[in-house]
Amino acid sequence: MESLMSPLEFRPYGVFDDRIHVVDSIAKEYLEKASADAQHLIPVDVDADGNGLYHSVILLMNDSTLTASELRGL
């Protein structure tokens, strides 16, 4: 059976934009204690409703109209 859904296009932001993204200061403290290969990462604040991974992916998508629930259901 052929899928009726079109594939998602994932084109993440290339830079941190403080007008869109909010730094998670608690996660930043943990990240500062992490190994050197994680030092370049910037933790952002997303809803803490059990869909954090999906909210993070949606936040990185440039032109997404998906919700976390829709992305989780794909």
PDB file of N, CA and C in Angstrom:
ATOM      1  N   MET A   1       0.843  -1.178   0.000  1.00  0.00           N
ATOM      2  CA  MET A   1       0.000   0.000   0.000  1.00  0.00           C
ATOM      3  C   MET A   1       0.892   1.247   0.000  1.00  0.00           C
ATOM      4  N   GLU A   2       0.650   2.109  -0.920  1.00  0.00           N
ATOM      5  CA  GLU A   2       1.445   3.333  -1.039  1.00  0.00           C
ATOM      6  C   GLU A   2       1.028   4.340   0.024  1.00  0.00           C
ATOM      7  N   SER A   3       2.007   4.969   0.617  1.00  0.00           N
ATOM      8  CA  SER A   3       1.737   5.957   1.664  1.00  0.00           C
ATOM      9  C   SER A   3       1.080   7.192   1.067  1.00  0.00           C
ATOM     10  N   LEU A   4       0.096   7.723   1.774  1.00  0.00           N
ATOM     11  CA  LEU A   4      -0.608   8.921   1.324  1.00  0.00           C
ATOM     12  C   LEU A   4       0.047  10.196   1.828  1.00  0.00           C
ATOM     13  N   MET A   5       1.015  10.053   2.727  1.00  0.00           N
ATOM     14  CA  MET A   5       1.664  11.229   3.303  1.00  0.00           C
ATOM     15  C   MET A   5       2.900  11.605   2.498  1.00  0.00           C
ATOM     16  N   SER A   6       3.129  12.893   2.361  1.00  0.00           N
ATOM     17  CA  SER A   6       4.342  13.349   1.694  1.00  0.00           C
ATOM     18  C   SER A   6       5.498  13.320   2.691  1.00  0.00           C
ATOM     19  N   PRO A   7       6.723  13.127   2.216  1.00  0.00           N
ATOM     20  CA  PRO A   7       7.863  13.091   3.133  1.00  0.00           C
ATOM     21  C   PRO A   7       8.119  14.463   3.755  1.00  0.00           C
ATOM     22  N   LEU A   8       8.662  14.449   4.968  1.00  0.00           N
ATOM     23  CA  LEU A   8       9.001  15.697   5.644  1.00  0.00           C
ATOM     24  C   LEU A   8      10.299  16.249   5.082  1.00  0.00           C
ATOM     25  N   GLU A   9      10.363  17.559   4.957  1.00  0.00           N
ATOM     26  CA  GLU A   9      11.609  18.209   4.569  1.00  0.00           C
ATOM     27  C   GLU A   9      12.220  18.804   5.819  1.00  0.00           C
ATOM     28  N   PHE A  10      13.434  18.378   6.143  1.00  0.00           N
ATOM     29  CA  PHE A  10      14.108  18.862   7.339  1.00  0.00           C
ATOM     30  C   PHE A  10      15.286  19.722   6.924  1.00  0.00           C
ATOM     31  N   ARG A  11      15.131  21.034   7.077  1.00  0.00           N
ATOM     32  CA  ARG A  11      16.202  21.989   6.797  1.00  0.00           C
ATOM     33  C   ARG A  11      16.397  22.820   8.055  1.00  0.00           C
ATOM     34  N   PRO A  12      17.262  22.358   8.952  1.00  0.00           N
ATOM     35  CA  PRO A  12      17.404  23.036  10.247  1.00  0.00           C
ATOM     36  C   PRO A  12      18.044  24.413  10.120  1.00  0.00           C
ATOM     37  N   TYR A  13      17.763  25.242  11.121  1.00  0.00           N
ATOM     38  CA  TYR A  13      18.400  26.549  11.194  1.00  0.00           C
ATOM     39  C   TYR A  13      19.905  26.369  11.268  1.00  0.00           C
ATOM     40  N   GLY A  14      20.655  27.239  10.634  1.00  0.00           N
ATOM     41  CA  GLY A  14      22.105  27.157  10.655  1.00  0.00           C
ATOM     42  C   GLY A  14      22.737  27.930  11.792  1.00  0.00           C
ATOM     43  N   VAL A  15      21.979  28.846  12.387  1.00  0.00           N
ATOM     44  CA  VAL A  15      22.516  29.677  13.468  1.00  0.00           C
ATOM     45  C   VAL A  15      21.481  29.807  14.576  1.00  0.00           C
ATOM     46  N   PHE A  16      21.962  30.129  15.763  1.00  0.00           N
ATOM     47  CA  PHE A  16      21.087  30.367  16.907  1.00  0.00           C
ATOM     48  C   PHE A  16      20.470  31.752  16.751  1.00  0.00           C
ATOM     49  N   ASP A  17      19.157  31.839  16.851  1.00  0.00           N
ATOM     50  CA  ASP A  17      18.447  33.112  16.722  1.00  0.00           C
ATOM     51  C   ASP A  17      17.733  33.382  18.038  1.00  0.00           C
ATOM     52  N   ASP A  18      18.215  34.348  18.805  1.00  0.00           N
ATOM     53  CA  ASP A  18      17.628  34.595  20.128  1.00  0.00           C
ATOM     54  C   ASP A  18      16.231  35.196  20.058  1.00  0.00           C
ATOM     55  N   ARG A  19      15.749  35.531  18.866  1.00  0.00           N
ATOM     56  CA  ARG A  19      14.356  35.968  18.718  1.00  0.00           C
ATOM     57  C   ARG A  19      13.411  34.770  18.666  1.00  0.00           C
ATOM     58  N   ILE A  20      13.952  33.610  18.305  1.00  0.00           N
ATOM     59  CA  ILE A  20      13.149  32.396  18.166  1.00  0.00           C
ATOM     60  C   ILE A  20      13.444  31.397  19.279  1.00  0.00           C
ATOM     61  N   HIS A  21      14.727  31.212  19.597  1.00  0.00           N
ATOM     62  CA  HIS A  21      15.167  30.193  20.540  1.00  0.00           C
ATOM     63  C   HIS A  21      15.434  30.789  21.916  1.00  0.00           C
ATOM     64  N   VAL A  22      15.120  30.035  22.947  1.00  0.00           N
ATOM     65  CA  VAL A  22      15.381  30.435  24.331  1.00  0.00           C
ATOM     66  C   VAL A  22      16.375  29.440  24.923  1.00  0.00           C
ATOM     67  N   VAL A  23      17.484  29.942  25.451  1.00  0.00           N
ATOM     68  CA  VAL A  23      18.496  29.069  26.044  1.00  0.00           C
ATOM     69  C   VAL A  23      17.966  28.488  27.348  1.00  0.00           C
ATOM     70  N   ASP A  24      18.117  27.186  27.519  1.00  0.00           N
ATOM     71  CA  ASP A  24      17.747  26.504  28.753  1.00  0.00           C
ATOM     72  C   ASP A  24      18.966  26.564  29.671  1.00  0.00           C
ATOM     73  N   SER A  25      18.936  27.448  30.652  1.00  0.00           N
ATOM     74  CA  SER A  25      20.114  27.697  31.493  1.00  0.00           C
ATOM     75  C   SER A  25      20.506  26.490  32.345  1.00  0.00           C
ATOM     76  N   ILE A  26      19.542  25.708  32.795  1.00  0.00           N
ATOM     77  CA  ILE A  26      19.858  24.516  33.593  1.00  0.00           C
ATOM     78  C   ILE A  26      20.548  23.467  32.721  1.00  0.00           C
ATOM     79  N   ALA A  27      20.012  23.246  31.537  1.00  0.00           N
ATOM     80  CA  ALA A  27      20.642  22.290  30.621  1.00  0.00           C
ATOM     81  C   ALA A  27      22.021  22.777  30.200  1.00  0.00           C
ATOM     82  N   LYS A  28      22.194  24.097  30.100  1.00  0.00           N
ATOM     83  CA  LYS A  28      23.493  24.648  29.730  1.00  0.00           C
ATOM     84  C   LYS A  28      24.544  24.323  30.791  1.00  0.00           C
ATOM     85  N   GLU A  29      24.154  24.360  32.070  1.00  0.00           N
ATOM     86  CA  GLU A  29      25.089  24.000  33.142  1.00  0.00           C
ATOM     87  C   GLU A  29      25.542  22.550  33.002  1.00  0.00           C
ATOM     88  N   TYR A  30      24.606  21.645  32.718  1.00  0.00           N
ATOM     89  CA  TYR A  30      24.959  20.239  32.517  1.00  0.00           C
ATOM     90  C   TYR A  30      25.864  20.083  31.299  1.00  0.00           C
ATOM     91  N   LEU A  31      25.552  20.820  30.246  1.00  0.00           N
ATOM     92  CA  LEU A  31      26.324  20.726  29.015  1.00  0.00           C
ATOM     93  C   LEU A  31      27.757  21.202  29.211  1.00  0.00           C
ATOM     94  N   GLU A  32      27.953  22.205  30.062  1.00  0.00           N
ATOM     95  CA  GLU A  32      29.296  22.702  30.343  1.00  0.00           C
ATOM     96  C   GLU A  32      30.150  21.650  31.045  1.00  0.00           C
ATOM     97  N   LYS A  33      29.507  20.705  31.728  1.00  0.00           N
ATOM     98  CA  LYS A  33      30.220  19.633  32.418  1.00  0.00           C
ATOM     99  C   LYS A  33      30.408  18.408  31.523  1.00  0.00           C
ATOM    100  N   ALA A  34      29.841  18.451  30.337  1.00  0.00           N
ATOM    101  CA  ALA A  34      29.907  17.320  29.413  1.00  0.00           C
ATOM    102  C   ALA A  34      31.266  17.269  28.728  1.00  0.00           C
ATOM    103  N   SER A  35      31.473  16.226  27.969  1.00  0.00           N
ATOM    104  CA  SER A  35      32.744  16.067  27.260  1.00  0.00           C
ATOM    105  C   SER A  35      32.910  17.153  26.198  1.00  0.00           C
ATOM    106  N   ALA A  36      34.123  17.294  25.722  1.00  0.00           N
ATOM    107  CA  ALA A  36      34.464  18.368  24.783  1.00  0.00           C
ATOM    108  C   ALA A  36      33.671  18.292  23.480  1.00  0.00           C
ATOM    109  N   ASP A  37      33.265  17.097  23.062  1.00  0.00           N
ATOM    110  CA  ASP A  37      32.541  16.986  21.795  1.00  0.00           C
ATOM    111  C   ASP A  37      31.115  17.530  21.869  1.00  0.00           C
ATOM    112  N   ALA A  38      30.647  17.894  23.055  1.00  0.00           N
ATOM    113  CA  ALA A  38      29.308  18.470  23.202  1.00  0.00           C
ATOM    114  C   ALA A  38      29.347  19.952  23.556  1.00  0.00           C
ATOM    115  N   GLN A  39      30.530  20.533  23.647  1.00  0.00           N
ATOM    116  CA  GLN A  39      30.662  21.920  24.087  1.00  0.00           C
ATOM    117  C   GLN A  39      30.095  22.927  23.095  1.00  0.00           C
ATOM    118  N   HIS A  40      30.000  22.589  21.826  1.00  0.00           N
ATOM    119  CA  HIS A  40      29.501  23.523  20.818  1.00  0.00           C
ATOM    120  C   HIS A  40      27.969  23.575  20.763  1.00  0.00           C
ATOM    121  N   LEU A  41      27.298  22.697  21.470  1.00  0.00           N
ATOM    122  CA  LEU A  41      25.837  22.638  21.441  1.00  0.00           C
ATOM    123  C   LEU A  41      25.220  23.742  22.292  1.00  0.00           C
ATOM    124  N   ILE A  42      24.008  24.166  21.917  1.00  0.00           N
ATOM    125  CA  ILE A  42      23.270  25.173  22.681  1.00  0.00           C
ATOM    126  C   ILE A  42      21.925  24.560  23.062  1.00  0.00           C
ATOM    127  N   PRO A  43      21.677  24.364  24.348  1.00  0.00           N
ATOM    128  CA  PRO A  43      20.388  23.799  24.752  1.00  0.00           C
ATOM    129  C   PRO A  43      19.289  24.851  24.642  1.00  0.00           C
ATOM    130  N   VAL A  44      18.157  24.464  24.083  1.00  0.00           N
ATOM    131  CA  VAL A  44      17.026  25.386  23.971  1.00  0.00           C
ATOM    132  C   VAL A  44      15.865  24.883  24.809  1.00  0.00           C
ATOM    133  N   ASP A  45      15.037  25.785  25.224  1.00  0.00           N
ATOM    134  CA  ASP A  45      13.893  25.476  26.073  1.00  0.00           C
ATOM    135  C   ASP A  45      12.705  25.066  25.210  1.00  0.00           C
ATOM    136  N   VAL A  46      12.128  23.900  25.491  1.00  0.00           N
ATOM    137  CA  VAL A  46      10.921  23.433  24.806  1.00  0.00           C
ATOM    138  C   VAL A  46       9.909  22.997  25.858  1.00  0.00           C
ATOM    139  N   ASP A  47       8.668  22.824  25.434  1.00  0.00           N
ATOM    140  CA  ASP A  47       7.618  22.388  26.357  1.00  0.00           C
ATOM    141  C   ASP A  47       7.987  21.057  27.003  1.00  0.00           C
ATOM    142  N   ALA A  48       7.739  20.943  28.293  1.00  0.00           N
ATOM    143  CA  ALA A  48       8.033  19.718  29.042  1.00  0.00           C
ATOM    144  C   ALA A  48       6.754  18.922  29.226  1.00  0.00           C
ATOM    145  N   ASP A  49       6.245  18.401  28.112  1.00  0.00           N
ATOM    146  CA  ASP A  49       4.983  17.668  28.165  1.00  0.00           C
ATOM    147  C   ASP A  49       5.131  16.209  27.745  1.00  0.00           C
ATOM    148  N   GLY A  50       6.372  15.717  27.744  1.00  0.00           N
ATOM    149  CA  GLY A  50       6.610  14.341  27.327  1.00  0.00           C
ATOM    150  C   GLY A  50       6.959  14.221  25.854  1.00  0.00           C
ATOM    151  N   ASN A  51       6.895  15.318  25.126  1.00  0.00           N
ATOM    152  CA  ASN A  51       7.209  15.324  23.705  1.00  0.00           C
ATOM    153  C   ASN A  51       8.434  16.181  23.409  1.00  0.00           C
ATOM    154  N   GLY A  52       9.380  16.237  24.343  1.00  0.00           N
ATOM    155  CA  GLY A  52      10.543  17.111  24.209  1.00  0.00           C
ATOM    156  C   GLY A  52      11.345  16.885  22.942  1.00  0.00           C
ATOM    157  N   LEU A  53      11.577  15.628  22.586  1.00  0.00           N
ATOM    158  CA  LEU A  53      12.329  15.334  21.369  1.00  0.00           C
ATOM    159  C   LEU A  53      11.602  15.885  20.149  1.00  0.00           C
ATOM    160  N   TYR A  54      10.302  15.671  20.093  1.00  0.00           N
ATOM    161  CA  TYR A  54       9.511  16.128  18.952  1.00  0.00           C
ATOM    162  C   TYR A  54       9.436  17.654  18.904  1.00  0.00           C
ATOM    163  N   HIS A  55       9.305  18.298  20.060  1.00  0.00           N
ATOM    164  CA  HIS A  55       9.323  19.763  20.104  1.00  0.00           C
ATOM    165  C   HIS A  55      10.673  20.294  19.622  1.00  0.00           C
ATOM    166  N   SER A  56      11.756  19.612  19.988  1.00  0.00           N
ATOM    167  CA  SER A  56      13.095  20.031  19.560  1.00  0.00           C
ATOM    168  C   SER A  56      13.244  19.944  18.047  1.00  0.00           C
ATOM    169  N   VAL A  57      12.779  18.853  17.467  1.00  0.00           N
ATOM    170  CA  VAL A  57      12.857  18.685  16.013  1.00  0.00           C
ATOM    171  C   VAL A  57      12.035  19.764  15.317  1.00  0.00           C
ATOM    172  N   ILE A  58      10.830  20.013  15.802  1.00  0.00           N
ATOM    173  CA  ILE A  58       9.972  21.036  15.201  1.00  0.00           C
ATOM    174  C   ILE A  58      10.603  22.416  15.324  1.00  0.00           C
ATOM    175  N   LEU A  59      11.237  22.685  16.452  1.00  0.00           N
ATOM    176  CA  LEU A  59      11.903  23.976  16.648  1.00  0.00           C
ATOM    177  C   LEU A  59      13.014  24.180  15.625  1.00  0.00           C
ATOM    178  N   LEU A  60      13.705  23.104  15.262  1.00  0.00           N
ATOM    179  CA  LEU A  60      14.796  23.202  14.297  1.00  0.00           C
ATOM    180  C   LEU A  60      14.322  23.274  12.851  1.00  0.00           C
ATOM    181  N   MET A  61      13.095  22.872  12.587  1.00  0.00           N
ATOM    182  CA  MET A  61      12.575  22.899  11.223  1.00  0.00           C
ATOM    183  C   MET A  61      12.222  24.335  10.846  1.00  0.00           C
ATOM    184  N   ASN A  62      12.667  24.750   9.686  1.00  0.00           N
ATOM    185  CA  ASN A  62      12.466  26.132   9.259  1.00  0.00           C
ATOM    186  C   ASN A  62      11.022  26.487   8.942  1.00  0.00           C
ATOM    187  N   ASP A  63      10.296  25.615   8.314  1.00  0.00           N
ATOM    188  CA  ASP A  63       8.971  25.976   7.824  1.00  0.00           C
ATOM    189  C   ASP A  63       7.958  24.887   8.173  1.00  0.00           C
ATOM    190  N   SER A  64       7.868  24.566   9.432  1.00  0.00           N
ATOM    191  CA  SER A  64       7.017  23.457   9.836  1.00  0.00           C
ATOM    192  C   SER A  64       5.649  23.935  10.302  1.00  0.00           C
ATOM    193  N   THR A  65       4.639  23.252   9.864  1.00  0.00           N
ATOM    194  CA  THR A  65       3.289  23.481  10.366  1.00  0.00           C
ATOM    195  C   THR A  65       2.839  22.297  11.209  1.00  0.00           C
ATOM    196  N   LEU A  66       3.750  21.347  11.435  1.00  0.00           N
ATOM    197  CA  LEU A  66       3.453  20.165  12.243  1.00  0.00           C
ATOM    198  C   LEU A  66       3.387  20.495  13.722  1.00  0.00           C
ATOM    199  N   THR A  67       2.597  19.729  14.427  1.00  0.00           N
ATOM    200  CA  THR A  67       2.612  19.789  15.886  1.00  0.00           C
ATOM    201  C   THR A  67       3.409  18.584  16.387  1.00  0.00           C
ATOM    202  N   ALA A  68       3.786  18.616  17.648  1.00  0.00           N
ATOM    203  CA  ALA A  68       4.531  17.495  18.223  1.00  0.00           C
ATOM    204  C   ALA A  68       3.709  16.211  18.156  1.00  0.00           C
ATOM    205  N   SER A  69       2.422  16.305  18.394  1.00  0.00           N
ATOM    206  CA  SER A  69       1.555  15.119  18.335  1.00  0.00           C
ATOM    207  C   SER A  69       1.512  14.537  16.929  1.00  0.00           C
ATOM    208  N   GLU A  70       1.444  15.404  15.926  1.00  0.00           N
ATOM    209  CA  GLU A  70       1.424  14.921  14.545  1.00  0.00           C
ATOM    210  C   GLU A  70       2.754  14.270  14.183  1.00  0.00           C
ATOM    211  N   LEU A  71       3.859  14.894  14.577  1.00  0.00           N
ATOM    212  CA  LEU A  71       5.172  14.333  14.275  1.00  0.00           C
ATOM    213  C   LEU A  71       5.362  12.999  14.979  1.00  0.00           C
ATOM    214  N   ARG A  72       4.904  12.907  16.194  1.00  0.00           N
ATOM    215  CA  ARG A  72       5.026  11.661  16.952  1.00  0.00           C
ATOM    216  C   ARG A  72       4.217  10.540  16.305  1.00  0.00           C
ATOM    217  N   GLY A  73       3.108  10.880  15.692  1.00  0.00           N
ATOM    218  CA  GLY A  73       2.246   9.882  15.071  1.00  0.00           C
ATOM    219  C   GLY A  73       2.708   9.409  13.709  1.00  0.00           C
ATOM    220  N   LEU A  74       3.724  10.071  13.136  1.00  0.00           N
ATOM    221  CA  LEU A  74       4.185   9.682  11.798  1.00  0.00           C
ATOM    222  C   LEU A  74       4.920   8.377  11.812  1.00  0.00           C
TER     223      LEU A  74
END
